[in-house]
Amino acid sequence: MTAPASIDVDQTRTLMDDRPGTRLIDVRTPGEFAGAHIAESYNVPLDLLREHRRELQADHDDPIVLVCRSGTRAEEARRLVAESDLAGVQVLRGGIAAWEGAGAPLVRGRGTWSMERQVRLVAGTIVLLAVGASLLAEPVKWLAAAVGAGLTVAAVTDTCAMARVLSVLPWNRAAAGDGPAALSALTEPAADRA
């Protein structure tokens, strides 16, 4: 039987109870993960999965549940790893927001703002500055229009070019040597990760 592409919070918690080897893979940025994450989850950022998706081969048959803030990036990650040797990968429907909304526990720490919040800050700042600058030089208003158009395309395509650009900033990236260790949480048997 094929696993559904997404599961809700209760189904995820039941899966974790029934199958202790279940791997929760959080695809948000390291800064977001540090701010709040599900206990026993592993941070394998989406950009790292993009970079290594064709190399992924599982040496286990543990269930894998992908997690992000709302489910959008986790679904993108699921589509990326569909090309690999990983089977039965599912997405936590509604992500960390749904997990928290259901009253499930989170590990909290100091981290960076969510990617969605960073995008809103940058887009809003660009629009505000462009509108203000257009009072001095009218053609600058087209910068605000370009940001608005970009946000519209992001909503329609469910992708975000600005988020991809922001994800390469230092506070949103894993340390240089963390890539192989992060990927091992997804691919190696539990005994090898201990």
N, C-alpha and C. Protein backbone atom coordinates (compact mmCIF):
# COMPACT_ATOMS: atom_id res chain seq x y z
N MET A 1 0.84 -1.18 0.00
CA MET A 1 0.00 0.00 0.00
C MET A 1 0.89 1.24 0.00
N THR A 2 0.59 2.20 -0.83
CA THR A 2 1.35 3.43 -0.93
C THR A 2 0.91 4.41 0.14
N ALA A 3 1.87 5.08 0.76
CA ALA A 3 1.56 6.06 1.79
C ALA A 3 0.98 7.32 1.15
N PRO A 4 0.05 7.99 1.84
CA PRO A 4 -0.47 9.25 1.29
C PRO A 4 0.63 10.31 1.24
N ALA A 5 0.48 11.28 0.35
CA ALA A 5 1.50 12.32 0.19
C ALA A 5 1.61 13.22 1.41
N SER A 6 0.52 13.39 2.15
CA SER A 6 0.57 14.22 3.35
C SER A 6 -0.26 13.59 4.46
N ILE A 7 0.14 13.89 5.69
CA ILE A 7 -0.59 13.40 6.85
C ILE A 7 -0.74 14.55 7.85
N ASP A 8 -1.79 14.48 8.67
CA ASP A 8 -2.03 15.55 9.63
C ASP A 8 -1.25 15.31 10.92
N VAL A 9 -1.41 16.21 11.86
CA VAL A 9 -0.66 16.15 13.12
C VAL A 9 -0.96 14.86 13.88
N ASP A 10 -2.25 14.52 14.02
CA ASP A 10 -2.60 13.31 14.77
C ASP A 10 -2.04 12.05 14.11
N GLN A 11 -2.12 11.99 12.79
CA GLN A 11 -1.57 10.84 12.07
C GLN A 11 -0.06 10.76 12.24
N THR A 12 0.61 11.91 12.26
CA THR A 12 2.06 11.95 12.43
C THR A 12 2.43 11.45 13.83
N ARG A 13 1.72 11.92 14.82
CA ARG A 13 2.01 11.50 16.20
C ARG A 13 1.75 10.00 16.37
N THR A 14 0.68 9.49 15.76
CA THR A 14 0.40 8.05 15.81
C THR A 14 1.50 7.27 15.12
N LEU A 15 1.94 7.76 13.94
CA LEU A 15 3.02 7.11 13.21
C LEU A 15 4.29 7.06 14.07
N MET A 16 4.60 8.16 14.74
CA MET A 16 5.78 8.21 15.60
C MET A 16 5.68 7.21 16.76
N ASP A 17 4.47 7.05 17.32
CA ASP A 17 4.26 6.09 18.40
C ASP A 17 4.36 4.65 17.90
N ASP A 18 3.74 4.39 16.74
CA ASP A 18 3.71 3.04 16.18
C ASP A 18 5.03 2.61 15.57
N ARG A 19 5.74 3.57 14.99
CA ARG A 19 7.02 3.29 14.32
C ARG A 19 8.09 4.22 14.89
N PRO A 20 8.73 3.82 16.00
CA PRO A 20 9.71 4.68 16.67
C PRO A 20 10.85 5.17 15.77
N GLY A 21 11.12 4.50 14.67
CA GLY A 21 12.18 4.93 13.77
C GLY A 21 11.75 6.03 12.81
N THR A 22 10.51 6.49 12.92
CA THR A 22 10.02 7.54 12.02
C THR A 22 10.96 8.74 12.07
N ARG A 23 11.30 9.25 10.90
CA ARG A 23 12.20 10.40 10.80
C ARG A 23 11.41 11.64 10.43
N LEU A 24 11.48 12.63 11.29
CA LEU A 24 10.91 13.94 11.00
C LEU A 24 12.04 14.79 10.46
N ILE A 25 11.92 15.20 9.21
CA ILE A 25 12.95 15.97 8.54
C ILE A 25 12.42 17.38 8.31
N ASP A 26 12.98 18.34 9.01
CA ASP A 26 12.56 19.73 8.95
C ASP A 26 13.38 20.43 7.87
N VAL A 27 12.71 20.90 6.81
CA VAL A 27 13.41 21.46 5.65
C VAL A 27 13.55 22.98 5.72
N ARG A 28 13.21 23.58 6.85
CA ARG A 28 13.37 25.03 7.00
C ARG A 28 14.85 25.38 7.15
N THR A 29 15.13 26.66 7.16
CA THR A 29 16.51 27.10 7.32
C THR A 29 17.00 26.77 8.73
N PRO A 30 18.32 26.67 8.92
CA PRO A 30 18.85 26.40 10.26
C PRO A 30 18.40 27.42 11.30
N GLY A 31 18.30 28.67 10.91
CA GLY A 31 17.85 29.70 11.85
C GLY A 31 16.41 29.49 12.29
N GLU A 32 15.54 29.13 11.35
CA GLU A 32 14.15 28.85 11.70
C GLU A 32 14.06 27.62 12.60
N PHE A 33 14.83 26.59 12.25
CA PHE A 33 14.84 25.36 13.03
C PHE A 33 15.28 25.65 14.47
N ALA A 34 16.30 26.49 14.63
CA ALA A 34 16.80 26.83 15.96
C ALA A 34 15.73 27.56 16.78
N GLY A 35 14.88 28.32 16.12
CA GLY A 35 13.84 29.08 16.81
C GLY A 35 12.77 28.19 17.41
N ALA A 36 12.35 27.16 16.70
CA ALA A 36 11.34 26.22 17.18
C ALA A 36 11.31 25.02 16.26
N HIS A 37 11.29 23.83 16.85
CA HIS A 37 11.20 22.61 16.05
C HIS A 37 10.59 21.48 16.88
N ILE A 38 10.18 20.45 16.20
CA ILE A 38 9.62 19.28 16.85
C ILE A 38 10.77 18.48 17.44
N ALA A 39 10.61 18.04 18.69
CA ALA A 39 11.65 17.24 19.34
C ALA A 39 11.98 16.03 18.48
N GLU A 40 13.23 15.67 18.44
CA GLU A 40 13.74 14.52 17.69
C GLU A 40 13.65 14.68 16.17
N SER A 41 13.36 15.90 15.70
CA SER A 41 13.39 16.13 14.25
C SER A 41 14.81 16.52 13.86
N TYR A 42 15.10 16.38 12.58
CA TYR A 42 16.42 16.69 12.04
C TYR A 42 16.27 17.82 11.04
N ASN A 43 17.24 18.72 11.02
CA ASN A 43 17.21 19.83 10.08
C ASN A 43 18.02 19.48 8.83
N VAL A 44 17.32 19.34 7.72
CA VAL A 44 17.93 19.13 6.41
C VAL A 44 17.33 20.21 5.51
N PRO A 45 17.98 21.38 5.45
CA PRO A 45 17.41 22.52 4.73
C PRO A 45 17.07 22.21 3.26
N LEU A 46 16.02 22.84 2.78
CA LEU A 46 15.54 22.63 1.42
C LEU A 46 16.63 22.87 0.39
N ASP A 47 17.46 23.90 0.57
CA ASP A 47 18.52 24.15 -0.41
C ASP A 47 19.53 23.01 -0.45
N LEU A 48 19.77 22.35 0.67
CA LEU A 48 20.66 21.19 0.71
C LEU A 48 20.03 20.01 -0.04
N LEU A 49 18.74 19.82 0.12
CA LEU A 49 18.05 18.77 -0.62
C LEU A 49 18.07 19.04 -2.12
N ARG A 50 17.87 20.30 -2.50
CA ARG A 50 17.93 20.67 -3.92
C ARG A 50 19.28 20.28 -4.51
N GLU A 51 20.32 20.59 -3.76
CA GLU A 51 21.69 20.37 -4.22
C GLU A 51 22.04 18.88 -4.33
N HIS A 52 21.51 18.05 -3.45
CA HIS A 52 21.91 16.64 -3.38
C HIS A 52 20.79 15.65 -3.69
N ARG A 53 19.69 16.10 -4.25
CA ARG A 53 18.52 15.23 -4.41
C ARG A 53 18.79 13.97 -5.23
N ARG A 54 19.65 14.04 -6.20
CA ARG A 54 19.90 12.87 -7.05
C ARG A 54 20.84 11.86 -6.39
N GLU A 55 21.49 12.27 -5.31
CA GLU A 55 22.42 11.40 -4.60
C GLU A 55 21.77 10.63 -3.46
N LEU A 56 20.53 10.96 -3.12
CA LEU A 56 19.90 10.39 -1.94
C LEU A 56 19.50 8.94 -2.16
N GLN A 57 19.98 8.09 -1.28
CA GLN A 57 19.62 6.68 -1.28
C GLN A 57 19.45 6.27 0.17
N ALA A 58 18.31 5.69 0.48
CA ALA A 58 18.04 5.29 1.86
C ALA A 58 18.58 3.91 2.13
N ASP A 59 19.26 3.76 3.26
CA ASP A 59 19.73 2.47 3.73
C ASP A 59 18.84 2.01 4.89
N HIS A 60 17.56 2.38 4.84
CA HIS A 60 16.60 2.03 5.89
C HIS A 60 15.20 2.02 5.28
N ASP A 61 14.24 1.53 6.05
CA ASP A 61 12.85 1.56 5.58
C ASP A 61 11.97 2.32 6.56
N ASP A 62 12.58 3.22 7.34
CA ASP A 62 11.83 4.03 8.29
C ASP A 62 10.93 5.02 7.54
N PRO A 63 9.75 5.29 8.07
CA PRO A 63 8.91 6.34 7.47
C PRO A 63 9.61 7.70 7.58
N ILE A 64 9.41 8.55 6.58
CA ILE A 64 9.99 9.89 6.57
C ILE A 64 8.85 10.89 6.44
N VAL A 65 8.82 11.86 7.36
CA VAL A 65 7.82 12.93 7.32
C VAL A 65 8.57 14.24 7.20
N LEU A 66 8.30 14.98 6.14
CA LEU A 66 8.94 16.27 5.89
C LEU A 66 8.12 17.38 6.56
N VAL A 67 8.82 18.34 7.15
CA VAL A 67 8.18 19.40 7.92
C VAL A 67 8.75 20.75 7.50
N CYS A 68 7.89 21.77 7.45
CA CYS A 68 8.33 23.16 7.31
C CYS A 68 7.35 24.02 8.10
N ARG A 69 7.30 25.30 7.87
CA ARG A 69 6.41 26.18 8.63
C ARG A 69 4.95 25.90 8.32
N SER A 70 4.61 25.81 7.02
CA SER A 70 3.20 25.67 6.65
C SER A 70 2.91 24.43 5.82
N GLY A 71 3.92 23.78 5.32
CA GLY A 71 3.74 22.61 4.45
C GLY A 71 4.17 22.86 3.01
N THR A 72 4.32 24.11 2.62
CA THR A 72 4.66 24.44 1.23
C THR A 72 6.07 23.99 0.86
N ARG A 73 7.06 24.36 1.68
CA ARG A 73 8.44 23.95 1.38
C ARG A 73 8.62 22.44 1.55
N ALA A 74 7.91 21.85 2.50
CA ALA A 74 8.00 20.40 2.68
C ALA A 74 7.43 19.68 1.46
N GLU A 75 6.38 20.21 0.88
CA GLU A 75 5.82 19.61 -0.34
C GLU A 75 6.80 19.76 -1.50
N GLU A 76 7.45 20.91 -1.59
CA GLU A 76 8.49 21.08 -2.62
C GLU A 76 9.61 20.07 -2.42
N ALA A 77 10.00 19.86 -1.16
CA ALA A 77 11.04 18.88 -0.85
C ALA A 77 10.58 17.47 -1.23
N ARG A 78 9.32 17.15 -0.97
CA ARG A 78 8.79 15.82 -1.33
C ARG A 78 8.88 15.60 -2.83
N ARG A 79 8.54 16.62 -3.60
CA ARG A 79 8.63 16.50 -5.06
C ARG A 79 10.10 16.33 -5.49
N LEU A 80 11.01 17.02 -4.83
CA LEU A 80 12.43 16.90 -5.17
C LEU A 80 12.95 15.50 -4.88
N VAL A 81 12.64 14.96 -3.71
CA VAL A 81 13.18 13.65 -3.35
C VAL A 81 12.42 12.51 -4.04
N ALA A 82 11.32 12.81 -4.70
CA ALA A 82 10.60 11.77 -5.45
C ALA A 82 11.49 11.20 -6.54
N GLU A 83 12.47 11.98 -7.01
CA GLU A 83 13.40 11.53 -8.04
C GLU A 83 14.49 10.62 -7.46
N SER A 84 14.56 10.52 -6.14
CA SER A 84 15.63 9.75 -5.50
C SER A 84 15.14 8.35 -5.12
N ASP A 85 15.94 7.68 -4.34
CA ASP A 85 15.66 6.31 -3.91
C ASP A 85 14.87 6.28 -2.60
N LEU A 86 14.37 7.40 -2.14
CA LEU A 86 13.62 7.44 -0.89
C LEU A 86 12.16 7.10 -1.16
N ALA A 87 11.63 6.13 -0.43
CA ALA A 87 10.25 5.69 -0.63
C ALA A 87 9.38 6.11 0.55
N GLY A 88 8.10 6.31 0.30
CA GLY A 88 7.15 6.57 1.36
C GLY A 88 7.34 7.88 2.09
N VAL A 89 7.86 8.88 1.41
CA VAL A 89 8.07 10.19 2.03
C VAL A 89 6.74 10.93 2.07
N GLN A 90 6.42 11.47 3.25
CA GLN A 90 5.17 12.19 3.45
C GLN A 90 5.45 13.59 3.97
N VAL A 91 4.44 14.45 3.89
CA VAL A 91 4.54 15.83 4.35
C VAL A 91 3.58 16.02 5.52
N LEU A 92 4.06 16.70 6.57
CA LEU A 92 3.19 17.08 7.68
C LEU A 92 2.30 18.21 7.18
N ARG A 93 1.03 17.92 6.98
CA ARG A 93 0.07 18.90 6.46
C ARG A 93 -0.07 20.06 7.44
N GLY A 94 0.18 21.27 6.97
CA GLY A 94 0.09 22.45 7.82
C GLY A 94 1.36 22.77 8.57
N GLY A 95 2.33 21.86 8.53
CA GLY A 95 3.65 22.09 9.10
C GLY A 95 3.68 22.40 10.58
N ILE A 96 4.73 23.12 10.98
CA ILE A 96 4.93 23.50 12.38
C ILE A 96 3.74 24.30 12.89
N ALA A 97 3.15 25.13 12.02
CA ALA A 97 1.99 25.93 12.44
C ALA A 97 0.84 25.03 12.89
N ALA A 98 0.57 23.96 12.13
CA ALA A 98 -0.49 23.03 12.50
C ALA A 98 -0.10 22.26 13.76
N TRP A 99 1.16 21.85 13.85
CA TRP A 99 1.66 21.13 15.02
C TRP A 99 1.44 21.96 16.29
N GLU A 100 1.85 23.22 16.22
CA GLU A 100 1.69 24.12 17.37
C GLU A 100 0.21 24.38 17.65
N GLY A 101 -0.58 24.55 16.58
CA GLY A 101 -2.01 24.79 16.74
C GLY A 101 -2.74 23.64 17.40
N ALA A 102 -2.22 22.43 17.23
CA ALA A 102 -2.82 21.24 17.84
C ALA A 102 -2.35 21.06 19.29
N GLY A 103 -1.51 21.96 19.76
CA GLY A 103 -1.02 21.87 21.13
C GLY A 103 0.10 20.86 21.32
N ALA A 104 0.68 20.40 20.21
CA ALA A 104 1.80 19.45 20.30
C ALA A 104 3.06 20.22 20.72
N PRO A 105 3.95 19.57 21.45
CA PRO A 105 5.11 20.28 21.99
C PRO A 105 6.16 20.64 20.94
N LEU A 106 6.80 21.77 21.17
CA LEU A 106 7.91 22.24 20.33
C LEU A 106 9.11 22.53 21.22
N VAL A 107 10.28 22.32 20.68
CA VAL A 107 11.52 22.74 21.35
C VAL A 107 11.78 24.16 20.88
N ARG A 108 11.89 25.08 21.82
CA ARG A 108 12.09 26.48 21.46
C ARG A 108 13.50 26.94 21.81
N GLY A 109 14.01 27.85 20.99
CA GLY A 109 15.34 28.40 21.21
C GLY A 109 15.43 29.75 20.55
N ARG A 110 16.65 30.22 20.39
CA ARG A 110 16.87 31.49 19.69
C ARG A 110 17.17 31.17 18.24
N GLY A 111 16.41 31.73 17.37
CA GLY A 111 16.61 31.51 15.95
C GLY A 111 16.30 32.77 15.18
N THR A 112 16.20 32.62 13.88
CA THR A 112 15.86 33.77 13.04
C THR A 112 14.37 33.74 12.73
N TRP A 113 13.89 34.79 12.14
CA TRP A 113 12.51 34.86 11.72
C TRP A 113 12.24 33.78 10.68
N SER A 114 10.99 33.40 10.55
CA SER A 114 10.61 32.45 9.51
C SER A 114 10.89 33.07 8.14
N MET A 115 11.07 32.22 7.14
CA MET A 115 11.35 32.72 5.79
C MET A 115 10.20 33.59 5.29
N GLU A 116 8.97 33.21 5.60
CA GLU A 116 7.81 34.00 5.16
C GLU A 116 7.88 35.41 5.75
N ARG A 117 8.26 35.50 7.02
CA ARG A 117 8.36 36.81 7.66
C ARG A 117 9.51 37.62 7.07
N GLN A 118 10.63 36.98 6.76
CA GLN A 118 11.74 37.67 6.12
C GLN A 118 11.33 38.22 4.76
N VAL A 119 10.59 37.43 3.98
CA VAL A 119 10.13 37.87 2.66
C VAL A 119 9.21 39.08 2.80
N ARG A 120 8.28 39.02 3.76
CA ARG A 120 7.37 40.16 3.96
C ARG A 120 8.13 41.42 4.33
N LEU A 121 9.17 41.27 5.19
CA LEU A 121 9.96 42.43 5.59
C LEU A 121 10.69 43.04 4.39
N VAL A 122 11.37 42.20 3.61
CA VAL A 122 12.14 42.71 2.48
C VAL A 122 11.22 43.30 1.42
N ALA A 123 10.16 42.58 1.07
CA ALA A 123 9.23 43.09 0.04
C ALA A 123 8.58 44.39 0.49
N GLY A 124 8.13 44.44 1.73
CA GLY A 124 7.51 45.66 2.24
C GLY A 124 8.46 46.84 2.27
N THR A 125 9.69 46.59 2.67
CA THR A 125 10.70 47.65 2.72
C THR A 125 11.00 48.18 1.33
N ILE A 126 11.16 47.27 0.37
CA ILE A 126 11.44 47.71 -1.02
C ILE A 126 10.29 48.56 -1.54
N VAL A 127 9.06 48.10 -1.33
CA VAL A 127 7.90 48.86 -1.82
C VAL A 127 7.83 50.23 -1.15
N LEU A 128 7.99 50.26 0.17
CA LEU A 128 7.94 51.53 0.89
C LEU A 128 9.01 52.50 0.42
N LEU A 129 10.24 52.01 0.28
CA LEU A 129 11.32 52.88 -0.19
C LEU A 129 11.12 53.33 -1.64
N ALA A 130 10.63 52.43 -2.47
CA ALA A 130 10.40 52.78 -3.88
C ALA A 130 9.31 53.84 -4.01
N VAL A 131 8.24 53.69 -3.25
CA VAL A 131 7.17 54.69 -3.31
C VAL A 131 7.69 56.04 -2.81
N GLY A 132 8.44 56.02 -1.71
CA GLY A 132 9.02 57.27 -1.20
C GLY A 132 9.98 57.90 -2.20
N ALA A 133 10.84 57.08 -2.80
CA ALA A 133 11.81 57.60 -3.77
C ALA A 133 11.13 58.08 -5.04
N SER A 134 9.96 57.52 -5.36
CA SER A 134 9.26 57.93 -6.58
C SER A 134 8.76 59.38 -6.48
N LEU A 135 8.70 59.91 -5.28
CA LEU A 135 8.33 61.32 -5.12
C LEU A 135 9.43 62.23 -5.65
N LEU A 136 10.67 61.71 -5.64
CA LEU A 136 11.80 62.47 -6.17
C LEU A 136 12.10 62.10 -7.62
N ALA A 137 11.94 60.84 -7.95
CA ALA A 137 12.21 60.36 -9.31
C ALA A 137 11.10 59.36 -9.67
N GLU A 138 10.14 59.83 -10.41
CA GLU A 138 8.92 59.05 -10.69
C GLU A 138 9.16 57.64 -11.22
N PRO A 139 10.16 57.40 -12.07
CA PRO A 139 10.33 56.03 -12.59
C PRO A 139 10.62 54.96 -11.53
N VAL A 140 11.04 55.38 -10.33
CA VAL A 140 11.32 54.41 -9.27
C VAL A 140 10.06 53.66 -8.86
N LYS A 141 8.89 54.21 -9.16
CA LYS A 141 7.63 53.54 -8.81
C LYS A 141 7.55 52.15 -9.45
N TRP A 142 8.26 51.95 -10.56
CA TRP A 142 8.21 50.66 -11.25
C TRP A 142 8.90 49.56 -10.45
N LEU A 143 9.80 49.95 -9.56
CA LEU A 143 10.40 48.97 -8.66
C LEU A 143 9.34 48.39 -7.73
N ALA A 144 8.49 49.26 -7.19
CA ALA A 144 7.39 48.80 -6.34
C ALA A 144 6.45 47.90 -7.15
N ALA A 145 6.19 48.27 -8.39
CA ALA A 145 5.33 47.45 -9.25
C ALA A 145 5.96 46.09 -9.51
N ALA A 146 7.28 46.05 -9.70
CA ALA A 146 7.98 44.78 -9.95
C ALA A 146 7.88 43.86 -8.73
N VAL A 147 8.02 44.42 -7.54
CA VAL A 147 7.89 43.61 -6.33
C VAL A 147 6.46 43.07 -6.22
N GLY A 148 5.47 43.92 -6.50
CA GLY A 148 4.08 43.47 -6.47
C GLY A 148 3.83 42.36 -7.47
N ALA A 149 4.38 42.50 -8.67
CA ALA A 149 4.24 41.46 -9.69
C ALA A 149 4.92 40.17 -9.24
N GLY A 150 6.10 40.29 -8.62
CA GLY A 150 6.81 39.12 -8.13
C GLY A 150 6.02 38.39 -7.05
N LEU A 151 5.39 39.14 -6.16
CA LEU A 151 4.57 38.52 -5.12
C LEU A 151 3.34 37.83 -5.72
N THR A 152 2.79 38.42 -6.75
CA THR A 152 1.64 37.79 -7.42
C THR A 152 2.05 36.48 -8.07
N VAL A 153 3.17 36.49 -8.78
CA VAL A 153 3.68 35.26 -9.40
C VAL A 153 3.99 34.22 -8.33
N ALA A 154 4.57 34.65 -7.21
CA ALA A 154 4.87 33.73 -6.12
C ALA A 154 3.61 33.06 -5.60
N ALA A 155 2.55 33.82 -5.47
CA ALA A 155 1.28 33.25 -4.98
C ALA A 155 0.67 32.28 -5.99
N VAL A 156 0.69 32.65 -7.26
CA VAL A 156 0.07 31.81 -8.29
C VAL A 156 0.86 30.51 -8.49
N THR A 157 2.18 30.58 -8.47
CA THR A 157 3.01 29.40 -8.74
C THR A 157 3.41 28.64 -7.46
N ASP A 158 3.09 29.23 -6.30
CA ASP A 158 3.45 28.65 -5.02
C ASP A 158 4.97 28.45 -4.91
N THR A 159 5.72 29.39 -5.45
CA THR A 159 7.18 29.43 -5.33
C THR A 159 7.55 30.85 -4.94
N CYS A 160 8.77 31.06 -4.55
CA CYS A 160 9.16 32.42 -4.17
C CYS A 160 10.64 32.65 -4.46
N ALA A 161 10.91 33.42 -5.48
CA ALA A 161 12.29 33.74 -5.85
C ALA A 161 12.98 34.51 -4.74
N MET A 162 12.26 35.41 -4.08
CA MET A 162 12.87 36.19 -3.01
C MET A 162 13.28 35.27 -1.85
N ALA A 163 12.48 34.27 -1.54
CA ALA A 163 12.83 33.33 -0.47
C ALA A 163 14.08 32.55 -0.84
N ARG A 164 14.21 32.18 -2.11
CA ARG A 164 15.42 31.47 -2.53
C ARG A 164 16.65 32.35 -2.36
N VAL A 165 16.53 33.62 -2.70
CA VAL A 165 17.66 34.55 -2.53
C VAL A 165 17.98 34.72 -1.05
N LEU A 166 16.95 34.91 -0.23
CA LEU A 166 17.17 35.09 1.21
C LEU A 166 17.75 33.83 1.86
N SER A 167 17.45 32.68 1.32
CA SER A 167 17.94 31.43 1.93
C SER A 167 19.45 31.27 1.85
N VAL A 168 20.12 32.04 0.99
CA VAL A 168 21.58 31.94 0.90
C VAL A 168 22.29 32.91 1.85
N LEU A 169 21.55 33.74 2.56
CA LEU A 169 22.17 34.65 3.52
C LEU A 169 22.74 33.84 4.68
N PRO A 170 23.80 34.32 5.30
CA PRO A 170 24.51 33.52 6.32
C PRO A 170 23.63 32.98 7.44
N TRP A 171 22.68 33.78 7.94
CA TRP A 171 21.87 33.33 9.07
C TRP A 171 20.83 32.27 8.66
N ASN A 172 20.65 32.07 7.37
CA ASN A 172 19.70 31.07 6.88
C ASN A 172 20.39 29.80 6.37
N ARG A 173 21.69 29.72 6.48
CA ARG A 173 22.43 28.57 5.95
C ARG A 173 23.05 27.75 7.07
N ALA A 174 23.20 26.48 6.78
CA ALA A 174 23.90 25.59 7.71
C ALA A 174 25.39 25.87 7.60
N ALA A 175 26.13 25.49 8.62
CA ALA A 175 27.59 25.64 8.57
C ALA A 175 28.12 24.80 7.41
N ALA A 176 29.23 25.21 6.85
CA ALA A 176 29.78 24.60 5.63
C ALA A 176 29.93 23.08 5.73
N GLY A 177 30.36 22.55 6.86
CA GLY A 177 30.59 21.11 6.97
C GLY A 177 29.37 20.30 7.39
N ASP A 178 28.23 20.94 7.59
CA ASP A 178 27.06 20.25 8.11
C ASP A 178 26.27 19.47 7.07
N GLY A 179 26.53 19.66 5.78
CA GLY A 179 25.75 19.01 4.73
C GLY A 179 25.68 17.50 4.83
N PRO A 180 26.83 16.81 4.84
CA PRO A 180 26.79 15.34 4.92
C PRO A 180 26.11 14.83 6.18
N ALA A 181 26.36 15.48 7.32
CA ALA A 181 25.73 15.05 8.58
C ALA A 181 24.22 15.24 8.50
N ALA A 182 23.78 16.34 7.94
CA ALA A 182 22.34 16.59 7.83
C ALA A 182 21.69 15.56 6.92
N LEU A 183 22.32 15.26 5.80
CA LEU A 183 21.75 14.29 4.86
C LEU A 183 21.72 12.88 5.46
N SER A 184 22.67 12.56 6.34
CA SER A 184 22.69 11.23 6.94
C SER A 184 21.45 10.98 7.78
N ALA A 185 20.85 12.03 8.34
CA ALA A 185 19.62 11.88 9.10
C ALA A 185 18.49 11.36 8.23
N LEU A 186 18.60 11.61 6.96
CA LEU A 186 17.58 11.20 5.99
C LEU A 186 17.87 9.83 5.41
N THR A 187 19.14 9.47 5.28
CA THR A 187 19.49 8.30 4.49
C THR A 187 20.08 7.11 5.24
N GLU A 188 20.74 7.33 6.38
CA GLU A 188 21.46 6.24 7.04
C GLU A 188 20.60 5.50 8.05
N PRO A 189 20.92 4.23 8.29
CA PRO A 189 20.21 3.47 9.33
C PRO A 189 20.38 4.14 10.70
N ALA A 190 19.41 3.97 11.58
CA ALA A 190 19.44 4.61 12.89
C ALA A 190 20.70 4.25 13.66
N ALA A 191 21.16 3.01 13.59
CA ALA A 191 22.35 2.59 14.33
C ALA A 191 23.59 3.37 13.91
N ASP A 192 23.67 3.74 12.62
CA ASP A 192 24.83 4.49 12.12
C ASP A 192 24.81 5.95 12.55
N ARG A 193 23.63 6.47 12.91
CA ARG A 193 23.51 7.88 13.28
C ARG A 193 23.72 8.09 14.76
N ALA A 194 23.71 7.04 15.56
CA ALA A 194 23.82 7.18 17.02
C ALA A 194 25.21 7.57 17.45
